[in-house]
Amino acid sequence: MTKSIWINLPVNNINKSKDFFSVLGFTLNTQYGVRDDSASFLIGDSNFVLMLFEKSLYEGFAGTSVDDNRSGSEVLFSIDAESPEEVDDLAKKVIAAGGTIYGEPGYSQGWMYGCGFMDLDGQRWSILYMDMSKMPLG
C-alpha cells in the first residue's frame, strides 16, 4: 500500500534552488538528496517530500525531456497558510529569493486570501489562506 507521495521537480541549478526553498522555510531533508545534483525538502507538518533534481538527472529517470515551464503549466502546487499576513510574508520571501509573483496577494470569493508565484525554474505555486467560517456551504 502507498505510504507517502513525493513531488519530483527538475531544476537548472540545484544550489540556487536549495537556497530558494530554504528562504521560503522548507526544511532541508538530509535523508535523501544529499548528492551534488539533487536535494530534498520536507514541507509542512505532514513532512511532504519535495525532491529537486538537476534537469539532466530528472530527464534520465523520468524518461522524457523537460519542457519550458514558463510558457505553460500542467501542475499547480498549493501551500496552505495560517493567515493573510503569512501569505504576504511568504510572497515577500519569494521575491527576495528570486522568484516571480504571477498573482498578487488578495482575497477571492470573500473567504480565501492567496497569491501565486513561480520558483526559479518556472514551476507554479500558490499560497492560500482559507477562512473556513466564511466558506459557502454546498
N, C-alpha and C. Protein backbone atom coordinates (compact mmCIF):
# COMPACT_ATOMS: atom_id res chain seq x y z
N MET A 1 0.85 -1.18 0.00
CA MET A 1 0.00 0.00 0.00
C MET A 1 0.89 1.24 0.00
N THR A 2 0.39 2.30 -0.56
CA THR A 2 1.12 3.56 -0.65
C THR A 2 1.32 4.14 0.75
N LYS A 3 2.56 4.55 1.04
CA LYS A 3 2.88 5.14 2.34
C LYS A 3 2.98 6.66 2.28
N SER A 4 3.42 7.17 1.14
CA SER A 4 3.57 8.63 1.02
C SER A 4 3.66 8.99 -0.45
N ILE A 5 3.58 10.28 -0.72
CA ILE A 5 3.72 10.79 -2.08
C ILE A 5 4.77 11.90 -2.06
N TRP A 6 5.58 11.94 -3.10
CA TRP A 6 6.63 12.94 -3.22
C TRP A 6 6.42 13.73 -4.49
N ILE A 7 6.83 14.99 -4.47
CA ILE A 7 6.91 15.80 -5.68
C ILE A 7 8.35 15.71 -6.16
N ASN A 8 8.56 15.39 -7.43
CA ASN A 8 9.89 15.38 -8.03
C ASN A 8 9.92 16.46 -9.09
N LEU A 9 10.84 17.41 -8.97
CA LEU A 9 10.91 18.54 -9.90
C LEU A 9 12.30 18.68 -10.50
N PRO A 10 12.36 18.98 -11.81
CA PRO A 10 13.64 19.29 -12.43
C PRO A 10 14.03 20.74 -12.14
N VAL A 11 15.31 20.97 -11.94
CA VAL A 11 15.81 22.33 -11.73
C VAL A 11 17.07 22.52 -12.56
N ASN A 12 17.35 23.77 -12.89
CA ASN A 12 18.54 24.08 -13.68
C ASN A 12 19.79 24.23 -12.82
N ASN A 13 19.64 24.72 -11.60
CA ASN A 13 20.78 24.93 -10.73
C ASN A 13 20.39 24.50 -9.32
N ILE A 14 20.89 23.36 -8.90
CA ILE A 14 20.47 22.77 -7.62
C ILE A 14 20.81 23.68 -6.44
N ASN A 15 21.96 24.33 -6.47
CA ASN A 15 22.34 25.19 -5.34
C ASN A 15 21.43 26.41 -5.21
N LYS A 16 21.12 27.04 -6.34
CA LYS A 16 20.21 28.19 -6.29
C LYS A 16 18.82 27.75 -5.84
N SER A 17 18.36 26.59 -6.30
CA SER A 17 17.04 26.09 -5.90
C SER A 17 17.02 25.72 -4.42
N LYS A 18 18.10 25.15 -3.91
CA LYS A 18 18.17 24.85 -2.47
C LYS A 18 18.07 26.14 -1.66
N ASP A 19 18.78 27.16 -2.09
CA ASP A 19 18.71 28.45 -1.40
C ASP A 19 17.29 29.01 -1.45
N PHE A 20 16.65 28.95 -2.62
CA PHE A 20 15.30 29.49 -2.80
C PHE A 20 14.32 28.83 -1.83
N PHE A 21 14.26 27.52 -1.83
CA PHE A 21 13.28 26.83 -0.99
C PHE A 21 13.64 26.93 0.50
N SER A 22 14.91 27.08 0.82
CA SER A 22 15.29 27.32 2.22
C SER A 22 14.78 28.67 2.70
N VAL A 23 14.88 29.70 1.86
CA VAL A 23 14.38 31.03 2.21
C VAL A 23 12.88 30.98 2.48
N LEU A 24 12.14 30.14 1.73
CA LEU A 24 10.70 30.03 1.92
C LEU A 24 10.34 29.29 3.21
N GLY A 25 11.32 28.67 3.84
CA GLY A 25 11.07 27.99 5.10
C GLY A 25 10.89 26.49 4.98
N PHE A 26 11.14 25.92 3.80
CA PHE A 26 11.09 24.47 3.65
C PHE A 26 12.29 23.88 4.40
N THR A 27 12.13 22.71 4.96
CA THR A 27 13.17 22.08 5.77
C THR A 27 14.01 21.13 4.92
N LEU A 28 15.31 21.40 4.84
CA LEU A 28 16.21 20.53 4.09
C LEU A 28 16.18 19.14 4.72
N ASN A 29 15.98 18.13 3.88
CA ASN A 29 15.89 16.74 4.32
C ASN A 29 17.18 16.04 3.92
N THR A 30 18.06 15.81 4.86
CA THR A 30 19.35 15.20 4.54
C THR A 30 19.26 13.67 4.42
N GLN A 31 18.09 13.11 4.67
CA GLN A 31 17.92 11.67 4.49
C GLN A 31 17.97 11.29 3.02
N TYR A 32 17.51 12.20 2.15
CA TYR A 32 17.52 11.98 0.70
C TYR A 32 18.15 13.20 0.03
N GLY A 33 18.59 13.03 -1.18
CA GLY A 33 19.05 14.15 -1.98
C GLY A 33 20.30 14.82 -1.47
N VAL A 34 21.26 14.05 -0.99
CA VAL A 34 22.48 14.65 -0.47
C VAL A 34 23.60 14.67 -1.51
N ARG A 35 23.24 14.40 -2.75
CA ARG A 35 24.21 14.43 -3.84
C ARG A 35 24.38 15.86 -4.33
N ASP A 36 25.36 16.07 -5.19
CA ASP A 36 25.59 17.40 -5.76
C ASP A 36 24.55 17.79 -6.79
N ASP A 37 23.78 16.82 -7.30
CA ASP A 37 22.79 17.10 -8.35
C ASP A 37 21.35 16.93 -7.89
N SER A 38 21.12 16.86 -6.57
CA SER A 38 19.75 16.72 -6.06
C SER A 38 19.64 17.27 -4.65
N ALA A 39 18.41 17.48 -4.23
CA ALA A 39 18.14 17.96 -2.88
C ALA A 39 16.74 17.50 -2.49
N SER A 40 16.52 17.42 -1.20
CA SER A 40 15.22 17.01 -0.70
C SER A 40 14.79 17.98 0.40
N PHE A 41 13.49 18.32 0.39
CA PHE A 41 12.92 19.19 1.41
C PHE A 41 11.67 18.55 2.00
N LEU A 42 11.39 18.88 3.24
CA LEU A 42 10.15 18.50 3.89
C LEU A 42 9.28 19.74 3.98
N ILE A 43 7.99 19.57 3.65
CA ILE A 43 7.07 20.69 3.62
C ILE A 43 5.94 20.45 4.61
N GLY A 44 5.72 21.40 5.50
CA GLY A 44 4.57 21.37 6.40
C GLY A 44 4.66 20.35 7.51
N ASP A 45 3.59 20.30 8.28
CA ASP A 45 3.53 19.41 9.45
C ASP A 45 3.54 17.94 9.07
N SER A 46 3.04 17.63 7.88
CA SER A 46 2.99 16.22 7.46
C SER A 46 4.29 15.77 6.81
N ASN A 47 5.26 16.67 6.73
CA ASN A 47 6.57 16.37 6.14
C ASN A 47 6.45 15.82 4.72
N PHE A 48 5.64 16.50 3.91
CA PHE A 48 5.52 16.17 2.50
C PHE A 48 6.89 16.35 1.86
N VAL A 49 7.30 15.43 1.01
CA VAL A 49 8.65 15.44 0.46
C VAL A 49 8.68 16.11 -0.92
N LEU A 50 9.56 17.08 -1.07
CA LEU A 50 9.87 17.73 -2.34
C LEU A 50 11.28 17.33 -2.72
N MET A 51 11.42 16.68 -3.87
CA MET A 51 12.73 16.29 -4.37
C MET A 51 13.08 17.18 -5.56
N LEU A 52 14.29 17.73 -5.57
CA LEU A 52 14.79 18.55 -6.67
C LEU A 52 15.93 17.81 -7.33
N PHE A 53 15.91 17.76 -8.65
CA PHE A 53 16.95 17.07 -9.41
C PHE A 53 17.43 17.98 -10.53
N GLU A 54 18.74 18.03 -10.72
CA GLU A 54 19.27 18.72 -11.90
C GLU A 54 18.53 18.17 -13.11
N LYS A 55 18.26 19.02 -14.06
CA LYS A 55 17.41 18.70 -15.21
C LYS A 55 17.82 17.40 -15.91
N SER A 56 19.10 17.21 -16.18
CA SER A 56 19.55 16.01 -16.91
C SER A 56 19.30 14.74 -16.10
N LEU A 57 19.49 14.79 -14.80
CA LEU A 57 19.21 13.64 -13.95
C LEU A 57 17.72 13.32 -13.95
N TYR A 58 16.89 14.35 -13.83
CA TYR A 58 15.44 14.18 -13.85
C TYR A 58 14.98 13.55 -15.18
N GLU A 59 15.47 14.09 -16.29
CA GLU A 59 15.09 13.56 -17.59
C GLU A 59 15.47 12.10 -17.74
N GLY A 60 16.60 11.70 -17.14
CA GLY A 60 17.05 10.31 -17.22
C GLY A 60 16.08 9.34 -16.55
N PHE A 61 15.60 9.67 -15.36
CA PHE A 61 14.70 8.72 -14.70
C PHE A 61 13.24 8.94 -15.07
N ALA A 62 12.89 10.13 -15.57
CA ALA A 62 11.51 10.37 -16.00
C ALA A 62 11.25 9.82 -17.40
N GLY A 63 12.32 9.57 -18.14
CA GLY A 63 12.18 9.00 -19.47
C GLY A 63 11.62 9.97 -20.50
N THR A 64 11.80 11.27 -20.26
CA THR A 64 11.30 12.28 -21.18
C THR A 64 12.08 13.57 -21.00
N SER A 65 11.98 14.45 -21.98
CA SER A 65 12.62 15.75 -21.84
C SER A 65 11.70 16.69 -21.07
N VAL A 66 12.27 17.77 -20.56
CA VAL A 66 11.53 18.74 -19.77
C VAL A 66 11.21 19.94 -20.66
N ASP A 67 9.93 20.31 -20.72
CA ASP A 67 9.51 21.48 -21.48
C ASP A 67 9.83 22.75 -20.70
N ASP A 68 9.71 23.89 -21.37
CA ASP A 68 9.88 25.18 -20.73
C ASP A 68 8.64 25.47 -19.89
N ASN A 69 8.78 25.45 -18.57
CA ASN A 69 7.65 25.65 -17.65
C ASN A 69 7.07 27.05 -17.73
N ARG A 70 7.83 28.02 -18.15
CA ARG A 70 7.36 29.40 -18.13
C ARG A 70 6.30 29.67 -19.21
N SER A 71 6.24 28.82 -20.24
CA SER A 71 5.27 29.05 -21.31
C SER A 71 3.94 28.33 -21.06
N GLY A 72 3.87 27.52 -20.02
CA GLY A 72 2.64 26.81 -19.70
C GLY A 72 2.79 26.08 -18.38
N SER A 73 1.71 25.44 -17.95
CA SER A 73 1.77 24.74 -16.68
C SER A 73 0.81 23.57 -16.70
N GLU A 74 1.26 22.43 -16.23
CA GLU A 74 0.40 21.27 -16.11
C GLU A 74 0.02 21.01 -14.67
N VAL A 75 0.77 21.58 -13.73
CA VAL A 75 0.55 21.32 -12.31
C VAL A 75 0.67 22.64 -11.54
N LEU A 76 -0.17 22.80 -10.55
CA LEU A 76 -0.08 23.94 -9.63
C LEU A 76 0.04 23.37 -8.23
N PHE A 77 1.14 23.66 -7.56
CA PHE A 77 1.36 23.20 -6.19
C PHE A 77 0.84 24.25 -5.24
N SER A 78 0.05 23.85 -4.26
CA SER A 78 -0.54 24.80 -3.32
C SER A 78 -0.06 24.54 -1.91
N ILE A 79 0.24 25.64 -1.22
CA ILE A 79 0.70 25.60 0.16
C ILE A 79 -0.33 26.36 0.99
N ASP A 80 -0.77 25.77 2.10
CA ASP A 80 -1.72 26.49 2.93
C ASP A 80 -1.00 27.43 3.88
N ALA A 81 -1.70 28.49 4.25
CA ALA A 81 -1.16 29.48 5.19
C ALA A 81 -2.14 29.62 6.34
N GLU A 82 -1.64 30.10 7.47
CA GLU A 82 -2.48 30.23 8.66
C GLU A 82 -3.15 31.59 8.77
N SER A 83 -2.75 32.54 7.90
CA SER A 83 -3.34 33.88 7.96
C SER A 83 -3.00 34.63 6.68
N PRO A 84 -3.76 35.70 6.40
CA PRO A 84 -3.40 36.55 5.25
C PRO A 84 -1.99 37.13 5.41
N GLU A 85 -1.61 37.44 6.64
CA GLU A 85 -0.28 38.00 6.89
C GLU A 85 0.82 37.00 6.52
N GLU A 86 0.56 35.72 6.75
CA GLU A 86 1.54 34.70 6.39
C GLU A 86 1.66 34.61 4.86
N VAL A 87 0.56 34.76 4.15
CA VAL A 87 0.60 34.79 2.68
C VAL A 87 1.47 35.95 2.22
N ASP A 88 1.22 37.14 2.78
CA ASP A 88 2.01 38.32 2.42
C ASP A 88 3.49 38.12 2.72
N ASP A 89 3.80 37.53 3.88
CA ASP A 89 5.18 37.29 4.28
C ASP A 89 5.87 36.33 3.32
N LEU A 90 5.18 35.25 2.96
CA LEU A 90 5.77 34.28 2.03
C LEU A 90 5.98 34.91 0.65
N ALA A 91 5.05 35.76 0.21
CA ALA A 91 5.19 36.45 -1.08
C ALA A 91 6.45 37.32 -1.08
N LYS A 92 6.71 38.00 0.03
CA LYS A 92 7.91 38.82 0.14
C LYS A 92 9.16 37.95 0.08
N LYS A 93 9.12 36.78 0.73
CA LYS A 93 10.26 35.86 0.71
C LYS A 93 10.52 35.33 -0.70
N VAL A 94 9.44 35.05 -1.43
CA VAL A 94 9.58 34.57 -2.81
C VAL A 94 10.35 35.59 -3.64
N ILE A 95 9.96 36.85 -3.54
CA ILE A 95 10.62 37.92 -4.31
C ILE A 95 12.07 38.06 -3.88
N ALA A 96 12.31 38.06 -2.56
CA ALA A 96 13.67 38.20 -2.04
C ALA A 96 14.58 37.05 -2.49
N ALA A 97 13.99 35.86 -2.68
CA ALA A 97 14.76 34.69 -3.06
C ALA A 97 14.91 34.55 -4.58
N GLY A 98 14.31 35.48 -5.35
CA GLY A 98 14.48 35.46 -6.79
C GLY A 98 13.31 34.88 -7.57
N GLY A 99 12.22 34.52 -6.89
CA GLY A 99 11.04 34.01 -7.57
C GLY A 99 10.22 35.14 -8.17
N THR A 100 9.13 34.78 -8.84
CA THR A 100 8.27 35.74 -9.52
C THR A 100 6.84 35.58 -9.05
N ILE A 101 6.22 36.67 -8.67
CA ILE A 101 4.80 36.66 -8.31
C ILE A 101 3.99 36.80 -9.59
N TYR A 102 3.08 35.85 -9.87
CA TYR A 102 2.22 35.98 -11.04
C TYR A 102 0.79 36.32 -10.64
N GLY A 103 0.45 36.19 -9.39
CA GLY A 103 -0.86 36.56 -8.87
C GLY A 103 -0.67 37.29 -7.55
N GLU A 104 -0.84 38.59 -7.57
CA GLU A 104 -0.60 39.40 -6.36
C GLU A 104 -1.50 38.93 -5.21
N PRO A 105 -1.01 39.05 -3.96
CA PRO A 105 -1.82 38.67 -2.81
C PRO A 105 -3.16 39.42 -2.80
N GLY A 106 -4.22 38.69 -2.50
CA GLY A 106 -5.53 39.31 -2.43
C GLY A 106 -6.61 38.31 -2.09
N TYR A 107 -7.80 38.84 -1.85
CA TYR A 107 -8.95 38.00 -1.50
C TYR A 107 -9.65 37.47 -2.74
N SER A 108 -10.24 36.30 -2.61
CA SER A 108 -11.05 35.69 -3.66
C SER A 108 -12.29 35.09 -3.01
N GLN A 109 -13.42 35.42 -3.54
CA GLN A 109 -14.71 34.87 -3.11
C GLN A 109 -15.04 35.19 -1.65
N GLY A 110 -14.35 36.13 -1.06
CA GLY A 110 -14.65 36.58 0.28
C GLY A 110 -14.16 35.71 1.42
N TRP A 111 -13.60 34.55 1.11
CA TRP A 111 -13.14 33.66 2.19
C TRP A 111 -11.75 33.08 1.97
N MET A 112 -11.16 33.36 0.81
CA MET A 112 -9.80 32.89 0.53
C MET A 112 -8.89 34.09 0.28
N TYR A 113 -7.67 33.99 0.78
CA TYR A 113 -6.67 35.01 0.55
C TYR A 113 -5.41 34.29 0.08
N GLY A 114 -4.90 34.67 -1.07
CA GLY A 114 -3.73 33.96 -1.56
C GLY A 114 -2.98 34.73 -2.61
N CYS A 115 -1.93 34.10 -3.10
CA CYS A 115 -1.16 34.65 -4.21
C CYS A 115 -0.52 33.49 -4.95
N GLY A 116 -0.05 33.78 -6.16
CA GLY A 116 0.62 32.77 -6.97
C GLY A 116 2.04 33.20 -7.28
N PHE A 117 2.94 32.22 -7.32
CA PHE A 117 4.33 32.54 -7.66
C PHE A 117 4.96 31.43 -8.48
N MET A 118 6.03 31.80 -9.18
CA MET A 118 6.85 30.83 -9.89
C MET A 118 8.20 30.74 -9.19
N ASP A 119 8.69 29.51 -9.04
CA ASP A 119 10.02 29.33 -8.47
C ASP A 119 11.07 29.66 -9.53
N LEU A 120 12.32 29.41 -9.24
CA LEU A 120 13.41 29.79 -10.15
C LEU A 120 13.35 29.08 -11.49
N ASP A 121 12.67 27.92 -11.54
CA ASP A 121 12.61 27.13 -12.76
C ASP A 121 11.25 27.18 -13.44
N GLY A 122 10.38 28.09 -12.99
CA GLY A 122 9.10 28.30 -13.65
C GLY A 122 7.95 27.44 -13.17
N GLN A 123 8.19 26.56 -12.17
CA GLN A 123 7.07 25.80 -11.63
C GLN A 123 6.16 26.76 -10.88
N ARG A 124 4.86 26.53 -10.99
CA ARG A 124 3.87 27.42 -10.39
C ARG A 124 3.40 26.87 -9.05
N TRP A 125 3.30 27.81 -8.09
CA TRP A 125 2.89 27.51 -6.73
C TRP A 125 1.82 28.52 -6.32
N SER A 126 0.98 28.14 -5.39
CA SER A 126 0.06 29.11 -4.78
C SER A 126 0.18 29.00 -3.27
N ILE A 127 -0.05 30.11 -2.62
CA ILE A 127 -0.09 30.18 -1.16
C ILE A 127 -1.51 30.61 -0.84
N LEU A 128 -2.20 29.87 0.02
CA LEU A 128 -3.62 30.14 0.21
C LEU A 128 -4.03 30.02 1.67
N TYR A 129 -4.65 31.09 2.17
CA TYR A 129 -5.31 31.07 3.48
C TYR A 129 -6.80 30.95 3.23
N MET A 130 -7.45 30.02 3.91
CA MET A 130 -8.90 29.84 3.76
C MET A 130 -9.57 30.05 5.11
N ASP A 131 -10.47 31.04 5.17
CA ASP A 131 -11.27 31.28 6.38
C ASP A 131 -12.49 30.38 6.29
N MET A 132 -12.40 29.20 6.90
CA MET A 132 -13.44 28.19 6.78
C MET A 132 -14.78 28.64 7.37
N SER A 133 -14.75 29.62 8.28
CA SER A 133 -16.01 30.11 8.86
C SER A 133 -16.82 30.91 7.84
N LYS A 134 -16.15 31.38 6.77
CA LYS A 134 -16.84 32.15 5.73
C LYS A 134 -17.04 31.34 4.44
N MET A 135 -16.59 30.09 4.43
CA MET A 135 -16.71 29.26 3.24
C MET A 135 -18.18 28.96 2.96
N PRO A 136 -18.62 29.18 1.73
CA PRO A 136 -20.01 28.88 1.38
C PRO A 136 -20.27 27.37 1.48
N LEU A 137 -21.43 27.01 1.95
CA LEU A 137 -21.80 25.61 2.05
C LEU A 137 -22.40 25.14 0.74
N GLY A 138 -22.21 23.85 0.44
CA GLY A 138 -22.83 23.27 -0.74
C GLY A 138 -21.91 23.26 -1.86
